[in-house]
Amino acid sequence: MRALVTFVYLFLYTPIALVVLFSFNAGRNASEFTGFSTQWYGRALSNTFLMEALGNSLIIAVTSASLAAIFGTMAAIGMERLGTRARAIFDGLFAAAIVVPGVVIGIATLVALVEVFGFINPVIAALWPGEQPPKLALGYGSIIAAHGLFTMALVTMIVKARIASLGRDIVEASSDLYATPFTTFRQIVLPQIMPSILAGFLLAFTFSFDDFIIAFFVAGSNTTLPIYVFASIRRGVTPEINAVATMVLIASLALIFIARFLMREKTTTI
């Protein structure tokens, strides 16, 4: 079993280690290490198209993760007030949203958005007084909507698990002390679940920033960093792409470690 586990980890992480190694390659050949150099990081950071794609990915990730954290927390709190049967149904729906393959979500989201746009755009055209009415189309808004809906399920499951671990005792004690429901939520519940909310936000940000499959279907003519990297790889792997992948890897690992730290159980004495 130890040999099998070792082989699995080597199979998973050796290619990643090679990407990091060749990002410091002095030559342009991606299959032969000719010397150590950090020039490709400088070239990547000075690439205008790359920086534009990076900015788009950051804006999309922050926006979708914020929406997922807000609505996911609201859903988790609402689910705790449901009955056992209704809660089980919603638990199944949120779990299904997490395990469904990304390509299925991308196709389904694309079809749904096209149908909605096809229905709303004629209505806007009929009501718009000008000659050129605005049209809803695939773009950054559709990526944010798709990522936000998917990651909301992830945030909901994380926050819901934290709320379930708190129990109803502290809420009932707050009510016995004549606190309003809003005061109880603001002073008792929210501080307790805030680490889980932050952890869910960071995980949602990481998913949205790294996602290619869903964004590829609903981006239209717009570009995010994963889409740019995929388009560049089709012309051949270069040390510049390796440098981009290394920087994204480091940022993603940092966010994941922060999220894992925030998800640790914290004992609070009330």
C-alpha atoms as a PDB file:
ATOM      1  CA  MET A   1       0.000   0.000   0.000  1.00  0.00           C
ATOM      2  CA  ARG A   2       2.854   2.388   0.733  1.00  0.00           C
ATOM      3  CA  ALA A   3       4.359   1.687  -2.678  1.00  0.00           C
ATOM      4  CA  LEU A   4       0.973   2.242  -4.340  1.00  0.00           C
ATOM      5  CA  VAL A   5       0.420   5.539  -2.504  1.00  0.00           C
ATOM      6  CA  THR A   6       3.949   6.664  -3.385  1.00  0.00           C
ATOM      7  CA  PHE A   7       3.359   5.853  -7.053  1.00  0.00           C
ATOM      8  CA  VAL A   8       0.052   7.739  -7.079  1.00  0.00           C
ATOM      9  CA  TYR A   9       1.591  10.851  -5.556  1.00  0.00           C
ATOM     10  CA  LEU A  10       4.552  10.735  -7.922  1.00  0.00           C
ATOM     11  CA  PHE A  11       2.182  10.340 -10.870  1.00  0.00           C
ATOM     12  CA  LEU A  12       0.145  13.362  -9.734  1.00  0.00           C
ATOM     13  CA  TYR A  13       2.870  15.766  -8.674  1.00  0.00           C
ATOM     14  CA  THR A  14       5.852  14.984 -10.897  1.00  0.00           C
ATOM     15  CA  PRO A  15       4.340  16.780 -13.940  1.00  0.00           C
ATOM     16  CA  ILE A  16       3.574  19.798 -11.742  1.00  0.00           C
ATOM     17  CA  ALA A  17       7.145  19.823 -10.456  1.00  0.00           C
ATOM     18  CA  LEU A  18       8.424  19.703 -14.041  1.00  0.00           C
ATOM     19  CA  VAL A  19       6.240  22.693 -14.994  1.00  0.00           C
ATOM     20  CA  VAL A  20       7.721  24.672 -12.107  1.00  0.00           C
ATOM     21  CA  LEU A  21      11.248  23.568 -13.023  1.00  0.00           C
ATOM     22  CA  PHE A  22      10.994  24.509 -16.687  1.00  0.00           C
ATOM     23  CA  SER A  23       9.508  27.887 -15.829  1.00  0.00           C
ATOM     24  CA  PHE A  24      13.091  28.782 -14.796  1.00  0.00           C
ATOM     25  CA  ASN A  25      14.601  27.425 -18.013  1.00  0.00           C
ATOM     26  CA  ALA A  26      17.043  29.801 -19.699  1.00  0.00           C
ATOM     27  CA  GLY A  27      16.203  28.480 -23.172  1.00  0.00           C
ATOM     28  CA  ARG A  28      12.906  28.480 -25.001  1.00  0.00           C
ATOM     29  CA  ASN A  29      12.861  24.720 -25.515  1.00  0.00           C
ATOM     30  CA  ALA A  30      10.232  23.351 -23.129  1.00  0.00           C
ATOM     31  CA  SER A  31      11.696  19.837 -23.158  1.00  0.00           C
ATOM     32  CA  GLU A  32      15.379  20.585 -22.437  1.00  0.00           C
ATOM     33  CA  PHE A  33      16.662  22.453 -19.390  1.00  0.00           C
ATOM     34  CA  THR A  34      19.600  24.583 -20.502  1.00  0.00           C
ATOM     35  CA  GLY A  35      20.123  26.800 -17.467  1.00  0.00           C
ATOM     36  CA  PHE A  36      18.473  28.757 -14.678  1.00  0.00           C
ATOM     37  CA  SER A  37      16.746  32.056 -15.489  1.00  0.00           C
ATOM     38  CA  THR A  38      13.782  34.109 -14.289  1.00  0.00           C
ATOM     39  CA  GLN A  39      13.355  35.997 -17.570  1.00  0.00           C
ATOM     40  CA  TRP A  40      10.084  34.259 -18.428  1.00  0.00           C
ATOM     41  CA  TYR A  41       8.395  35.618 -15.325  1.00  0.00           C
ATOM     42  CA  GLY A  42       9.310  39.117 -16.434  1.00  0.00           C
ATOM     43  CA  ARG A  43       8.035  38.459 -19.945  1.00  0.00           C
ATOM     44  CA  ALA A  44       4.795  37.026 -18.597  1.00  0.00           C
ATOM     45  CA  LEU A  45       4.202  40.039 -16.361  1.00  0.00           C
ATOM     46  CA  SER A  46       4.933  42.430 -19.239  1.00  0.00           C
ATOM     47  CA  ASN A  47       2.568  40.657 -21.658  1.00  0.00           C
ATOM     48  CA  THR A  48      -0.363  43.031 -22.227  1.00  0.00           C
ATOM     49  CA  PHE A  49      -2.839  40.366 -23.299  1.00  0.00           C
ATOM     50  CA  LEU A  50      -1.859  38.140 -20.407  1.00  0.00           C
ATOM     51  CA  MET A  51      -2.270  40.934 -17.866  1.00  0.00           C
ATOM     52  CA  GLU A  52      -5.668  41.818 -19.325  1.00  0.00           C
ATOM     53  CA  ALA A  53      -6.790  38.199 -19.032  1.00  0.00           C
ATOM     54  CA  LEU A  54      -5.443  38.103 -15.468  1.00  0.00           C
ATOM     55  CA  GLY A  55      -7.389  41.240 -14.564  1.00  0.00           C
ATOM     56  CA  ASN A  56     -10.571  39.774 -16.034  1.00  0.00           C
ATOM     57  CA  SER A  57     -10.111  36.569 -14.038  1.00  0.00           C
ATOM     58  CA  LEU A  58      -9.527  38.495 -10.804  1.00  0.00           C
ATOM     59  CA  ILE A  59     -12.639  40.651 -11.269  1.00  0.00           C
ATOM     60  CA  ILE A  60     -14.776  37.627 -12.145  1.00  0.00           C
ATOM     61  CA  ALA A  61     -13.400  35.555  -9.259  1.00  0.00           C
ATOM     62  CA  VAL A  62     -13.869  38.274  -6.622  1.00  0.00           C
ATOM     63  CA  THR A  63     -17.392  39.116  -7.796  1.00  0.00           C
ATOM     64  CA  SER A  64     -18.624  35.531  -8.127  1.00  0.00           C
ATOM     65  CA  ALA A  65     -17.021  34.484  -4.830  1.00  0.00           C
ATOM     66  CA  SER A  66     -18.608  37.441  -3.032  1.00  0.00           C
ATOM     67  CA  LEU A  67     -22.045  36.579  -4.425  1.00  0.00           C
ATOM     68  CA  ALA A  68     -21.528  32.915  -3.560  1.00  0.00           C
ATOM     69  CA  ALA A  69     -20.515  33.795   0.018  1.00  0.00           C
ATOM     70  CA  ILE A  70     -23.543  36.059   0.543  1.00  0.00           C
ATOM     71  CA  PHE A  71     -26.219  33.845  -0.991  1.00  0.00           C
ATOM     72  CA  GLY A  72     -24.580  30.624   0.175  1.00  0.00           C
ATOM     73  CA  THR A  73     -24.647  31.855   3.776  1.00  0.00           C
ATOM     74  CA  MET A  74     -28.281  32.903   3.425  1.00  0.00           C
ATOM     75  CA  ALA A  75     -29.145  29.481   1.998  1.00  0.00           C
ATOM     76  CA  ALA A  76     -27.315  27.673   4.806  1.00  0.00           C
ATOM     77  CA  ILE A  77     -29.147  29.654   7.481  1.00  0.00           C
ATOM     78  CA  GLY A  78     -32.486  29.121   5.743  1.00  0.00           C
ATOM     79  CA  MET A  79     -31.924  25.379   5.396  1.00  0.00           C
ATOM     80  CA  GLU A  80     -31.365  25.048   9.146  1.00  0.00           C
ATOM     81  CA  ARG A  81     -34.922  26.299   9.690  1.00  0.00           C
ATOM     82  CA  LEU A  82     -36.480  23.731   7.364  1.00  0.00           C
ATOM     83  CA  GLY A  83     -38.036  20.459   8.345  1.00  0.00           C
ATOM     84  CA  THR A  84     -36.104  17.226   8.168  1.00  0.00           C
ATOM     85  CA  ARG A  85     -37.588  16.067   4.861  1.00  0.00           C
ATOM     86  CA  ALA A  86     -37.248  19.425   3.089  1.00  0.00           C
ATOM     87  CA  ARG A  87     -33.706  19.811   4.394  1.00  0.00           C
ATOM     88  CA  ALA A  88     -32.751  16.392   3.046  1.00  0.00           C
ATOM     89  CA  ILE A  89     -34.084  17.351  -0.390  1.00  0.00           C
ATOM     90  CA  PHE A  90     -32.083  20.572  -0.500  1.00  0.00           C
ATOM     91  CA  ASP A  91     -28.980  18.795   0.813  1.00  0.00           C
ATOM     92  CA  GLY A  92     -29.249  16.400  -2.101  1.00  0.00           C
ATOM     93  CA  LEU A  93     -29.690  19.230  -4.597  1.00  0.00           C
ATOM     94  CA  PHE A  94     -26.657  21.134  -3.332  1.00  0.00           C
ATOM     95  CA  ALA A  95     -24.550  17.968  -3.226  1.00  0.00           C
ATOM     96  CA  ALA A  96     -25.579  17.146  -6.793  1.00  0.00           C
ATOM     97  CA  ALA A  97     -24.521  20.631  -7.921  1.00  0.00           C
ATOM     98  CA  ILE A  98     -21.046  19.969  -6.519  1.00  0.00           C
ATOM     99  CA  VAL A  99     -20.497  16.506  -8.008  1.00  0.00           C
ATOM    100  CA  VAL A 100     -21.964  17.192 -11.461  1.00  0.00           C
ATOM    101  CA  PRO A 101     -19.097  17.442 -14.019  1.00  0.00           C
ATOM    102  CA  GLY A 102     -18.128  20.924 -15.089  1.00  0.00           C
ATOM    103  CA  VAL A 103     -18.752  20.218 -18.766  1.00  0.00           C
ATOM    104  CA  VAL A 104     -22.384  19.360 -17.971  1.00  0.00           C
ATOM    105  CA  ILE A 105     -22.798  22.563 -15.972  1.00  0.00           C
ATOM    106  CA  GLY A 106     -21.179  24.558 -18.775  1.00  0.00           C
ATOM    107  CA  ILE A 107     -23.461  23.142 -21.457  1.00  0.00           C
ATOM    108  CA  ALA A 108     -26.581  23.483 -19.304  1.00  0.00           C
ATOM    109  CA  THR A 109     -25.716  27.068 -18.383  1.00  0.00           C
ATOM    110  CA  LEU A 110     -25.039  27.950 -22.015  1.00  0.00           C
ATOM    111  CA  VAL A 111     -28.385  26.533 -23.164  1.00  0.00           C
ATOM    112  CA  ALA A 112     -30.260  28.263 -20.334  1.00  0.00           C
ATOM    113  CA  LEU A 113     -28.638  31.646 -21.000  1.00  0.00           C
ATOM    114  CA  VAL A 114     -29.242  31.457 -24.747  1.00  0.00           C
ATOM    115  CA  GLU A 115     -32.921  30.667 -24.152  1.00  0.00           C
ATOM    116  CA  VAL A 116     -33.281  33.492 -21.630  1.00  0.00           C
ATOM    117  CA  PHE A 117     -31.524  35.985 -23.894  1.00  0.00           C
ATOM    118  CA  GLY A 118     -33.692  34.906 -26.815  1.00  0.00           C
ATOM    119  CA  PHE A 119     -36.784  35.668 -24.757  1.00  0.00           C
ATOM    120  CA  ILE A 120     -35.674  38.935 -23.132  1.00  0.00           C
ATOM    121  CA  ASN A 121     -33.878  40.638 -26.045  1.00  0.00           C
ATOM    122  CA  PRO A 122     -37.042  40.972 -28.214  1.00  0.00           C
ATOM    123  CA  VAL A 123     -38.887  42.440 -25.222  1.00  0.00           C
ATOM    124  CA  ILE A 124     -36.117  44.996 -24.694  1.00  0.00           C
ATOM    125  CA  ALA A 125     -36.123  45.832 -28.405  1.00  0.00           C
ATOM    126  CA  ALA A 126     -39.883  46.388 -28.351  1.00  0.00           C
ATOM    127  CA  LEU A 127     -39.745  48.648 -25.295  1.00  0.00           C
ATOM    128  CA  TRP A 128     -36.530  50.509 -26.112  1.00  0.00           C
ATOM    129  CA  PRO A 129     -37.203  53.969 -27.588  1.00  0.00           C
ATOM    130  CA  GLY A 130     -33.898  54.245 -29.490  1.00  0.00           C
ATOM    131  CA  GLU A 131     -32.882  52.652 -32.759  1.00  0.00           C
ATOM    132  CA  GLN A 132     -30.193  50.422 -31.246  1.00  0.00           C
ATOM    133  CA  PRO A 133     -31.534  48.755 -28.082  1.00  0.00           C
ATOM    134  CA  PRO A 134     -29.054  47.007 -25.761  1.00  0.00           C
ATOM    135  CA  LYS A 135     -28.816  43.254 -26.035  1.00  0.00           C
ATOM    136  CA  LEU A 136     -28.009  40.662 -23.443  1.00  0.00           C
ATOM    137  CA  ALA A 137     -25.139  38.494 -24.613  1.00  0.00           C
ATOM    138  CA  LEU A 138     -22.573  36.054 -23.313  1.00  0.00           C
ATOM    139  CA  GLY A 139     -19.700  37.746 -21.543  1.00  0.00           C
ATOM    140  CA  TYR A 140     -18.295  38.507 -18.132  1.00  0.00           C
ATOM    141  CA  GLY A 141     -21.753  38.708 -16.598  1.00  0.00           C
ATOM    142  CA  SER A 142     -22.610  35.189 -17.746  1.00  0.00           C
ATOM    143  CA  ILE A 143     -19.309  33.847 -16.356  1.00  0.00           C
ATOM    144  CA  ILE A 144     -19.970  35.508 -12.995  1.00  0.00           C
ATOM    145  CA  ALA A 145     -23.507  34.083 -12.914  1.00  0.00           C
ATOM    146  CA  ALA A 146     -22.343  30.561 -13.789  1.00  0.00           C
ATOM    147  CA  HIS A 147     -19.464  30.571 -11.293  1.00  0.00           C
ATOM    148  CA  GLY A 148     -21.575  32.193  -8.600  1.00  0.00           C
ATOM    149  CA  LEU A 149     -24.350  29.616  -8.864  1.00  0.00           C
ATOM    150  CA  PHE A 150     -21.941  26.686  -8.834  1.00  0.00           C
ATOM    151  CA  THR A 151     -19.757  27.910  -5.967  1.00  0.00           C
ATOM    152  CA  MET A 152     -22.802  28.935  -3.933  1.00  0.00           C
ATOM    153  CA  ALA A 153     -23.472  25.235  -3.376  1.00  0.00           C
ATOM    154  CA  LEU A 154     -19.932  24.817  -2.057  1.00  0.00           C
ATOM    155  CA  VAL A 155     -20.243  27.751   0.335  1.00  0.00           C
ATOM    156  CA  THR A 156     -23.650  26.540   1.501  1.00  0.00           C
ATOM    157  CA  MET A 157     -22.347  23.101   2.446  1.00  0.00           C
ATOM    158  CA  ILE A 158     -19.357  24.562   4.332  1.00  0.00           C
ATOM    159  CA  VAL A 159     -21.384  27.135   6.287  1.00  0.00           C
ATOM    160  CA  LYS A 160     -24.202  24.678   6.931  1.00  0.00           C
ATOM    161  CA  ALA A 161     -21.787  22.224   8.533  1.00  0.00           C
ATOM    162  CA  ARG A 162     -20.530  24.977  10.839  1.00  0.00           C
ATOM    163  CA  ILE A 163     -24.045  26.057  11.799  1.00  0.00           C
ATOM    164  CA  ALA A 164     -25.008  22.456  12.566  1.00  0.00           C
ATOM    165  CA  SER A 165     -22.019  22.143  14.920  1.00  0.00           C
ATOM    166  CA  LEU A 166     -23.160  25.170  16.929  1.00  0.00           C
ATOM    167  CA  GLY A 167     -26.509  23.750  17.941  1.00  0.00           C
ATOM    168  CA  ARG A 168     -29.573  25.711  18.996  1.00  0.00           C
ATOM    169  CA  ASP A 169     -28.541  26.297  22.620  1.00  0.00           C
ATOM    170  CA  ILE A 170     -26.793  29.615  22.103  1.00  0.00           C
ATOM    171  CA  VAL A 171     -29.611  30.933  19.902  1.00  0.00           C
ATOM    172  CA  GLU A 172     -32.227  29.942  22.473  1.00  0.00           C
ATOM    173  CA  ALA A 173     -30.141  31.464  25.274  1.00  0.00           C
ATOM    174  CA  SER A 174     -29.954  34.720  23.345  1.00  0.00           C
ATOM    175  CA  SER A 175     -33.727  34.703  22.872  1.00  0.00           C
ATOM    176  CA  ASP A 176     -34.203  34.089  26.596  1.00  0.00           C
ATOM    177  CA  LEU A 177     -32.177  37.255  27.210  1.00  0.00           C
ATOM    178  CA  TYR A 178     -34.678  39.206  25.034  1.00  0.00           C
ATOM    179  CA  ALA A 179     -32.371  39.654  22.053  1.00  0.00           C
ATOM    180  CA  THR A 180     -34.066  40.202  18.703  1.00  0.00           C
ATOM    181  CA  PRO A 181     -33.413  37.678  15.901  1.00  0.00           C
ATOM    182  CA  PHE A 182     -31.231  40.210  14.073  1.00  0.00           C
ATOM    183  CA  THR A 183     -29.210  40.943  17.219  1.00  0.00           C
ATOM    184  CA  THR A 184     -28.761  37.229  17.822  1.00  0.00           C
ATOM    185  CA  PHE A 185     -27.528  36.727  14.282  1.00  0.00           C
ATOM    186  CA  ARG A 186     -25.198  39.754  14.347  1.00  0.00           C
ATOM    187  CA  GLN A 187     -23.654  39.202  17.777  1.00  0.00           C
ATOM    188  CA  ILE A 188     -23.860  35.432  18.255  1.00  0.00           C
ATOM    189  CA  VAL A 189     -24.258  33.462  15.029  1.00  0.00           C
ATOM    190  CA  LEU A 190     -22.268  35.569  12.553  1.00  0.00           C
ATOM    191  CA  PRO A 191     -19.018  35.683  14.590  1.00  0.00           C
ATOM    192  CA  GLN A 192     -19.228  31.907  14.997  1.00  0.00           C
ATOM    193  CA  ILE A 193     -19.699  31.144  11.303  1.00  0.00           C
ATOM    194  CA  MET A 194     -17.457  33.910   9.911  1.00  0.00           C
ATOM    195  CA  PRO A 195     -14.385  31.623   9.566  1.00  0.00           C
ATOM    196  CA  SER A 196     -16.463  29.204   7.477  1.00  0.00           C
ATOM    197  CA  ILE A 197     -17.815  32.063   5.362  1.00  0.00           C
ATOM    198  CA  LEU A 198     -14.277  33.293   4.680  1.00  0.00           C
ATOM    199  CA  ALA A 199     -13.124  29.769   3.916  1.00  0.00           C
ATOM    200  CA  GLY A 200     -16.012  29.296   1.496  1.00  0.00           C
ATOM    201  CA  PHE A 201     -15.202  32.634  -0.149  1.00  0.00           C
ATOM    202  CA  LEU A 202     -11.561  31.649  -0.662  1.00  0.00           C
ATOM    203  CA  LEU A 203     -12.472  28.236  -2.086  1.00  0.00           C
ATOM    204  CA  ALA A 204     -15.053  29.848  -4.388  1.00  0.00           C
ATOM    205  CA  PHE A 205     -12.454  32.413  -5.492  1.00  0.00           C
ATOM    206  CA  THR A 206      -9.943  29.654  -6.231  1.00  0.00           C
ATOM    207  CA  PHE A 207     -12.443  27.678  -8.278  1.00  0.00           C
ATOM    208  CA  SER A 208     -13.617  30.690 -10.272  1.00  0.00           C
ATOM    209  CA  PHE A 209     -10.084  31.926 -10.918  1.00  0.00           C
ATOM    210  CA  ASP A 210      -8.848  28.515 -12.108  1.00  0.00           C
ATOM    211  CA  ASP A 211     -11.956  27.387 -13.980  1.00  0.00           C
ATOM    212  CA  PHE A 212     -11.695  26.804 -17.707  1.00  0.00           C
ATOM    213  CA  ILE A 213     -14.517  24.431 -18.651  1.00  0.00           C
ATOM    214  CA  ILE A 214     -17.533  26.458 -17.516  1.00  0.00           C
ATOM    215  CA  ALA A 215     -15.971  29.774 -18.583  1.00  0.00           C
ATOM    216  CA  PHE A 216     -15.159  28.364 -22.014  1.00  0.00           C
ATOM    217  CA  PHE A 217     -18.849  27.684 -22.691  1.00  0.00           C
ATOM    218  CA  VAL A 218     -20.300  30.967 -21.409  1.00  0.00           C
ATOM    219  CA  ALA A 219     -17.494  33.510 -22.034  1.00  0.00           C
ATOM    220  CA  GLY A 220     -18.497  34.395 -25.585  1.00  0.00           C
ATOM    221  CA  SER A 221     -15.697  36.420 -27.154  1.00  0.00           C
ATOM    222  CA  ASN A 222     -14.176  37.401 -23.805  1.00  0.00           C
ATOM    223  CA  THR A 223     -10.991  35.969 -22.328  1.00  0.00           C
ATOM    224  CA  THR A 224      -9.981  34.842 -18.873  1.00  0.00           C
ATOM    225  CA  LEU A 225      -6.571  33.645 -17.767  1.00  0.00           C
ATOM    226  CA  PRO A 226      -7.331  29.891 -18.130  1.00  0.00           C
ATOM    227  CA  ILE A 227      -8.799  30.492 -21.592  1.00  0.00           C
ATOM    228  CA  TYR A 228      -5.716  32.505 -22.591  1.00  0.00           C
ATOM    229  CA  VAL A 229      -3.390  29.769 -21.326  1.00  0.00           C
ATOM    230  CA  PHE A 230      -5.336  27.087 -23.199  1.00  0.00           C
ATOM    231  CA  ALA A 231      -5.219  29.092 -26.429  1.00  0.00           C
ATOM    232  CA  SER A 232      -1.476  29.648 -25.997  1.00  0.00           C
ATOM    233  CA  ILE A 233      -0.771  25.964 -25.350  1.00  0.00           C
ATOM    234  CA  ARG A 234      -2.377  25.071 -28.674  1.00  0.00           C
ATOM    235  CA  ARG A 235       0.551  26.867 -30.306  1.00  0.00           C
ATOM    236  CA  GLY A 236       3.074  25.028 -28.151  1.00  0.00           C
ATOM    237  CA  VAL A 237       4.190  25.018 -24.530  1.00  0.00           C
ATOM    238  CA  THR A 238       6.730  27.738 -23.726  1.00  0.00           C
ATOM    239  CA  PRO A 239       8.573  28.658 -20.515  1.00  0.00           C
ATOM    240  CA  GLU A 240       6.347  31.748 -20.353  1.00  0.00           C
ATOM    241  CA  ILE A 241       3.275  29.535 -20.024  1.00  0.00           C
ATOM    242  CA  ASN A 242       5.102  27.487 -17.405  1.00  0.00           C
ATOM    243  CA  ALA A 243       5.810  30.697 -15.491  1.00  0.00           C
ATOM    244  CA  VAL A 244       2.134  31.664 -15.624  1.00  0.00           C
ATOM    245  CA  ALA A 245       1.123  28.192 -14.443  1.00  0.00           C
ATOM    246  CA  THR A 246       3.611  28.375 -11.573  1.00  0.00           C
ATOM    247  CA  MET A 247       2.336  31.751 -10.389  1.00  0.00           C
ATOM    248  CA  VAL A 248      -1.275  30.540 -10.546  1.00  0.00           C
ATOM    249  CA  LEU A 249      -0.291  27.368  -8.672  1.00  0.00           C
ATOM    250  CA  ILE A 250       1.382  29.321  -5.882  1.00  0.00           C
ATOM    251  CA  ALA A 251      -1.568  31.702  -5.535  1.00  0.00           C
ATOM    252  CA  SER A 252      -4.080  28.828  -5.515  1.00  0.00           C
ATOM    253  CA  LEU A 253      -2.141  26.850  -2.910  1.00  0.00           C
ATOM    254  CA  ALA A 254      -1.862  29.925  -0.704  1.00  0.00           C
ATOM    255  CA  LEU A 255      -5.620  30.488  -0.827  1.00  0.00           C
ATOM    256  CA  ILE A 256      -6.345  26.820  -0.161  1.00  0.00           C
ATOM    257  CA  PHE A 257      -4.048  26.772   2.888  1.00  0.00           C
ATOM    258  CA  ILE A 258      -5.697  29.930   4.218  1.00  0.00           C
ATOM    259  CA  ALA A 259      -9.129  28.376   3.672  1.00  0.00           C
ATOM    260  CA  ARG A 260      -8.078  25.193   5.453  1.00  0.00           C
ATOM    261  CA  PHE A 261      -6.771  27.242   8.360  1.00  0.00           C
ATOM    262  CA  LEU A 262     -10.038  29.165   8.636  1.00  0.00           C
ATOM    263  CA  MET A 263     -12.077  25.951   8.520  1.00  0.00           C
ATOM    264  CA  ARG A 264     -10.496  24.629  11.708  1.00  0.00           C
ATOM    265  CA  GLU A 265     -12.840  24.230  14.584  1.00  0.00           C
ATOM    266  CA  LYS A 266     -12.607  27.058  17.097  1.00  0.00           C
ATOM    267  CA  THR A 267     -13.796  26.596  20.623  1.00  0.00           C
ATOM    268  CA  THR A 268     -15.607  29.693  21.893  1.00  0.00           C
ATOM    269  CA  THR A 269     -16.726  30.206  25.455  1.00  0.00           C
ATOM    270  CA  ILE A 270     -19.954  32.154  25.735  1.00  0.00           C
END
